[in-house]
Amino acid sequence: MKCLLLVTTDKGQEIAGTITLTNGKVTAVPEKGFENAVNSVMSEPNYDIDHFVSLKDDPVGWLNALPKQYNGSYFRALLVDDTRAEDCTKAGTLRLQ
């Protein structure tokens, strides 16, 4: 399970970092210049419908709640399948259809 953190810059939509859940462990890989933003996301609980979800207590729920928590025009989270995440990460940018 992967989540892309996206920012809007003068170049368009760019990937700020990738958060991945593998075997119950969540890891984050920030892009250069976005380390603080990604670290901030990793340190906060997420709000999911009617309750907070912490990374420590529920990694899957926390990752699934990211798009609900971060859904702004300039900074947002997008859950993607592994193939799409790999393609987007290589390109460094993301074009949404």
N, C-alpha and C. Protein backbone atom coordinates (compact mmCIF):
# COMPACT_ATOMS: atom_id res chain seq x y z
N MET A 1 0.85 -1.16 0.00
CA MET A 1 0.00 0.00 0.00
C MET A 1 0.90 1.23 0.00
N LYS A 2 0.60 2.17 -0.92
CA LYS A 2 1.42 3.38 -1.03
C LYS A 2 0.55 4.61 -1.07
N CYS A 3 1.14 5.69 -0.58
CA CYS A 3 0.48 6.98 -0.61
C CYS A 3 1.49 8.01 -1.08
N LEU A 4 1.08 8.80 -2.07
CA LEU A 4 1.93 9.89 -2.55
C LEU A 4 1.48 11.17 -1.86
N LEU A 5 2.44 11.93 -1.40
CA LEU A 5 2.16 13.27 -0.88
C LEU A 5 2.47 14.23 -2.02
N LEU A 6 1.48 15.02 -2.39
CA LEU A 6 1.59 15.88 -3.56
C LEU A 6 1.54 17.34 -3.17
N VAL A 7 2.33 18.15 -3.84
CA VAL A 7 2.31 19.59 -3.64
C VAL A 7 2.10 20.26 -5.00
N THR A 8 1.48 21.41 -4.98
CA THR A 8 1.32 22.19 -6.19
C THR A 8 2.36 23.30 -6.18
N THR A 9 3.17 23.34 -7.21
CA THR A 9 4.20 24.36 -7.35
C THR A 9 3.99 25.09 -8.68
N ASP A 10 4.89 25.99 -9.00
CA ASP A 10 4.78 26.68 -10.28
C ASP A 10 4.99 25.74 -11.46
N LYS A 11 5.53 24.55 -11.20
CA LYS A 11 5.73 23.54 -12.24
C LYS A 11 4.50 22.64 -12.41
N GLY A 12 3.54 22.75 -11.52
CA GLY A 12 2.37 21.88 -11.53
C GLY A 12 2.37 21.00 -10.30
N GLN A 13 1.77 19.83 -10.43
CA GLN A 13 1.68 18.89 -9.32
C GLN A 13 3.00 18.11 -9.21
N GLU A 14 3.62 18.12 -8.04
CA GLU A 14 4.86 17.39 -7.83
C GLU A 14 4.74 16.48 -6.63
N ILE A 15 5.55 15.45 -6.61
CA ILE A 15 5.57 14.51 -5.50
C ILE A 15 6.50 15.04 -4.42
N ALA A 16 5.96 15.22 -3.21
CA ALA A 16 6.76 15.67 -2.07
C ALA A 16 7.38 14.48 -1.35
N GLY A 17 6.73 13.34 -1.44
CA GLY A 17 7.25 12.15 -0.79
C GLY A 17 6.33 10.98 -1.00
N THR A 18 6.83 9.80 -0.64
CA THR A 18 6.07 8.56 -0.75
C THR A 18 6.05 7.89 0.61
N ILE A 19 4.86 7.48 1.03
CA ILE A 19 4.70 6.75 2.29
C ILE A 19 4.23 5.35 1.92
N THR A 20 4.92 4.34 2.43
CA THR A 20 4.65 2.96 2.06
C THR A 20 4.40 2.11 3.28
N LEU A 21 3.42 1.22 3.18
CA LEU A 21 3.15 0.23 4.23
C LEU A 21 3.55 -1.12 3.69
N THR A 22 4.52 -1.76 4.35
CA THR A 22 4.98 -3.08 3.98
C THR A 22 5.11 -3.93 5.23
N ASN A 23 4.43 -5.05 5.25
CA ASN A 23 4.48 -5.97 6.39
C ASN A 23 4.19 -5.27 7.71
N GLY A 24 3.21 -4.38 7.72
CA GLY A 24 2.80 -3.69 8.94
C GLY A 24 3.68 -2.53 9.35
N LYS A 25 4.71 -2.21 8.56
CA LYS A 25 5.61 -1.11 8.89
C LYS A 25 5.46 0.01 7.86
N VAL A 26 5.32 1.24 8.37
CA VAL A 26 5.19 2.40 7.50
C VAL A 26 6.53 3.11 7.39
N THR A 27 6.93 3.39 6.15
CA THR A 27 8.16 4.14 5.91
C THR A 27 7.85 5.31 4.99
N ALA A 28 8.62 6.36 5.13
CA ALA A 28 8.44 7.55 4.31
C ALA A 28 9.75 7.89 3.61
N VAL A 29 9.64 8.30 2.36
CA VAL A 29 10.79 8.75 1.59
C VAL A 29 10.45 10.12 1.02
N PRO A 30 11.00 11.17 1.64
CA PRO A 30 10.72 12.51 1.14
C PRO A 30 11.59 12.85 -0.07
N GLU A 31 11.06 13.69 -0.94
CA GLU A 31 11.85 14.23 -2.03
C GLU A 31 12.66 15.40 -1.48
N LYS A 32 13.75 15.72 -2.15
CA LYS A 32 14.62 16.81 -1.70
C LYS A 32 13.82 18.11 -1.58
N GLY A 33 13.98 18.75 -0.44
CA GLY A 33 13.30 20.01 -0.18
C GLY A 33 11.97 19.86 0.55
N PHE A 34 11.48 18.63 0.66
CA PHE A 34 10.19 18.39 1.31
C PHE A 34 10.32 17.55 2.57
N GLU A 35 11.51 17.45 3.11
CA GLU A 35 11.74 16.61 4.29
C GLU A 35 10.88 17.05 5.47
N ASN A 36 10.81 18.34 5.74
CA ASN A 36 10.03 18.82 6.88
C ASN A 36 8.54 18.52 6.73
N ALA A 37 8.02 18.69 5.53
CA ALA A 37 6.60 18.42 5.29
C ALA A 37 6.28 16.94 5.51
N VAL A 38 7.10 16.07 4.98
CA VAL A 38 6.87 14.63 5.13
C VAL A 38 7.04 14.21 6.59
N ASN A 39 8.04 14.72 7.26
CA ASN A 39 8.24 14.40 8.68
C ASN A 39 7.05 14.87 9.51
N SER A 40 6.49 15.99 9.17
CA SER A 40 5.31 16.50 9.89
C SER A 40 4.12 15.56 9.71
N VAL A 41 3.91 15.09 8.50
CA VAL A 41 2.82 14.15 8.24
C VAL A 41 3.01 12.88 9.06
N MET A 42 4.23 12.39 9.10
CA MET A 42 4.52 11.14 9.82
C MET A 42 4.34 11.26 11.32
N SER A 43 4.43 12.46 11.85
CA SER A 43 4.38 12.63 13.31
C SER A 43 2.99 12.90 13.85
N GLU A 44 2.00 13.07 12.98
CA GLU A 44 0.66 13.46 13.41
C GLU A 44 -0.35 12.32 13.28
N PRO A 45 -1.32 12.25 14.20
CA PRO A 45 -2.44 11.33 13.98
C PRO A 45 -3.33 11.89 12.88
N ASN A 46 -4.11 11.05 12.26
CA ASN A 46 -5.03 11.48 11.20
C ASN A 46 -6.47 11.32 11.68
N TYR A 47 -7.32 12.18 11.20
CA TYR A 47 -8.72 12.13 11.56
C TYR A 47 -9.46 11.32 10.50
N ASP A 48 -10.18 10.30 10.92
CA ASP A 48 -10.91 9.43 10.00
C ASP A 48 -12.38 9.38 10.41
N ILE A 49 -13.21 10.11 9.74
CA ILE A 49 -14.65 10.21 9.93
C ILE A 49 -15.01 10.77 11.30
N ASP A 50 -14.81 10.00 12.36
CA ASP A 50 -15.25 10.47 13.67
C ASP A 50 -14.24 10.21 14.79
N HIS A 51 -13.02 9.87 14.43
CA HIS A 51 -12.00 9.59 15.45
C HIS A 51 -10.60 9.78 14.88
N PHE A 52 -9.64 9.93 15.78
CA PHE A 52 -8.25 10.04 15.36
C PHE A 52 -7.63 8.66 15.26
N VAL A 53 -6.75 8.49 14.28
CA VAL A 53 -6.05 7.22 14.07
C VAL A 53 -4.55 7.51 14.17
N SER A 54 -3.87 6.75 15.02
CA SER A 54 -2.43 6.97 15.17
C SER A 54 -1.65 5.94 14.37
N LEU A 55 -0.50 6.36 13.92
CA LEU A 55 0.38 5.49 13.15
C LEU A 55 0.81 4.29 13.99
N LYS A 56 1.09 4.51 15.25
CA LYS A 56 1.56 3.44 16.14
C LYS A 56 0.48 2.39 16.38
N ASP A 57 -0.75 2.82 16.62
CA ASP A 57 -1.82 1.89 16.99
C ASP A 57 -2.49 1.21 15.80
N ASP A 58 -2.54 1.89 14.66
CA ASP A 58 -3.26 1.34 13.50
C ASP A 58 -2.61 1.85 12.21
N PRO A 59 -1.49 1.24 11.78
CA PRO A 59 -0.79 1.72 10.58
C PRO A 59 -1.66 1.72 9.32
N VAL A 60 -2.48 0.69 9.13
CA VAL A 60 -3.33 0.61 7.94
C VAL A 60 -4.39 1.71 7.97
N GLY A 61 -5.05 1.86 9.12
CA GLY A 61 -6.06 2.90 9.26
C GLY A 61 -5.46 4.29 9.10
N TRP A 62 -4.26 4.48 9.65
CA TRP A 62 -3.58 5.77 9.55
C TRP A 62 -3.30 6.12 8.09
N LEU A 63 -2.76 5.14 7.35
CA LEU A 63 -2.44 5.38 5.94
C LEU A 63 -3.71 5.62 5.13
N ASN A 64 -4.76 4.85 5.39
CA ASN A 64 -6.02 5.04 4.68
C ASN A 64 -6.66 6.40 4.97
N ALA A 65 -6.38 6.96 6.14
CA ALA A 65 -6.96 8.25 6.52
C ALA A 65 -6.20 9.45 5.93
N LEU A 66 -5.01 9.23 5.41
CA LEU A 66 -4.21 10.34 4.88
C LEU A 66 -4.95 11.19 3.84
N PRO A 67 -5.62 10.58 2.84
CA PRO A 67 -6.32 11.42 1.85
C PRO A 67 -7.46 12.26 2.44
N LYS A 68 -8.06 11.79 3.52
CA LYS A 68 -9.10 12.58 4.17
C LYS A 68 -8.50 13.74 4.94
N GLN A 69 -7.35 13.52 5.54
CA GLN A 69 -6.68 14.54 6.34
C GLN A 69 -5.99 15.60 5.47
N TYR A 70 -5.36 15.15 4.39
CA TYR A 70 -4.60 16.05 3.52
C TYR A 70 -5.26 16.07 2.14
N ASN A 71 -6.14 17.04 1.93
CA ASN A 71 -6.90 17.07 0.69
C ASN A 71 -7.03 18.48 0.12
N GLY A 72 -6.04 19.31 0.37
CA GLY A 72 -6.09 20.69 -0.10
C GLY A 72 -5.61 20.86 -1.53
N SER A 73 -5.73 22.06 -2.01
CA SER A 73 -5.30 22.38 -3.37
C SER A 73 -3.78 22.38 -3.53
N TYR A 74 -3.07 22.72 -2.45
CA TYR A 74 -1.61 22.84 -2.53
C TYR A 74 -0.86 21.68 -1.89
N PHE A 75 -1.52 20.92 -1.03
CA PHE A 75 -0.88 19.77 -0.38
C PHE A 75 -1.94 18.71 -0.16
N ARG A 76 -1.69 17.53 -0.71
CA ARG A 76 -2.67 16.47 -0.53
C ARG A 76 -2.03 15.10 -0.60
N ALA A 77 -2.78 14.10 -0.16
CA ALA A 77 -2.32 12.72 -0.17
C ALA A 77 -3.18 11.92 -1.15
N LEU A 78 -2.55 10.98 -1.83
CA LEU A 78 -3.24 10.15 -2.81
C LEU A 78 -2.78 8.70 -2.65
N LEU A 79 -3.72 7.82 -2.31
CA LEU A 79 -3.41 6.39 -2.26
C LEU A 79 -3.33 5.87 -3.69
N VAL A 80 -2.29 5.11 -3.98
CA VAL A 80 -2.09 4.56 -5.32
C VAL A 80 -1.66 3.11 -5.22
N ASP A 81 -1.89 2.37 -6.32
CA ASP A 81 -1.38 1.01 -6.34
C ASP A 81 0.13 1.06 -6.59
N ASP A 82 0.81 -0.01 -6.32
CA ASP A 82 2.27 -0.02 -6.38
C ASP A 82 2.81 0.32 -7.77
N THR A 83 2.16 -0.16 -8.83
CA THR A 83 2.63 0.11 -10.19
C THR A 83 2.55 1.59 -10.51
N ARG A 84 1.43 2.21 -10.20
CA ARG A 84 1.26 3.63 -10.50
C ARG A 84 2.22 4.47 -9.67
N ALA A 85 2.43 4.09 -8.43
CA ALA A 85 3.36 4.82 -7.57
C ALA A 85 4.77 4.77 -8.14
N GLU A 86 5.17 3.62 -8.62
CA GLU A 86 6.51 3.48 -9.21
C GLU A 86 6.66 4.37 -10.43
N ASP A 87 5.67 4.37 -11.32
CA ASP A 87 5.72 5.21 -12.51
C ASP A 87 5.78 6.69 -12.15
N CYS A 88 4.96 7.11 -11.19
CA CYS A 88 4.91 8.51 -10.80
C CYS A 88 6.20 8.94 -10.12
N THR A 89 6.75 8.10 -9.28
CA THR A 89 7.96 8.43 -8.56
C THR A 89 9.14 8.59 -9.53
N LYS A 90 9.22 7.74 -10.53
CA LYS A 90 10.28 7.86 -11.52
C LYS A 90 10.17 9.18 -12.28
N ALA A 91 8.95 9.56 -12.60
CA ALA A 91 8.74 10.80 -13.36
C ALA A 91 8.94 12.03 -12.50
N GLY A 92 8.65 11.92 -11.21
CA GLY A 92 8.79 13.06 -10.31
C GLY A 92 7.59 14.00 -10.31
N THR A 93 6.70 13.78 -11.25
CA THR A 93 5.48 14.59 -11.32
C THR A 93 4.31 13.67 -11.54
N LEU A 94 3.13 14.21 -11.38
CA LEU A 94 1.93 13.39 -11.52
C LEU A 94 0.89 14.16 -12.30
N ARG A 95 0.36 13.57 -13.30
CA ARG A 95 -0.74 14.16 -14.06
C ARG A 95 -1.98 13.33 -13.77
N LEU A 96 -2.99 13.94 -13.25
CA LEU A 96 -4.23 13.23 -12.95
C LEU A 96 -5.18 13.33 -14.12
N GLN A 97 -5.81 12.22 -14.48
CA GLN A 97 -6.80 12.23 -15.55
C GLN A 97 -8.14 12.60 -15.00
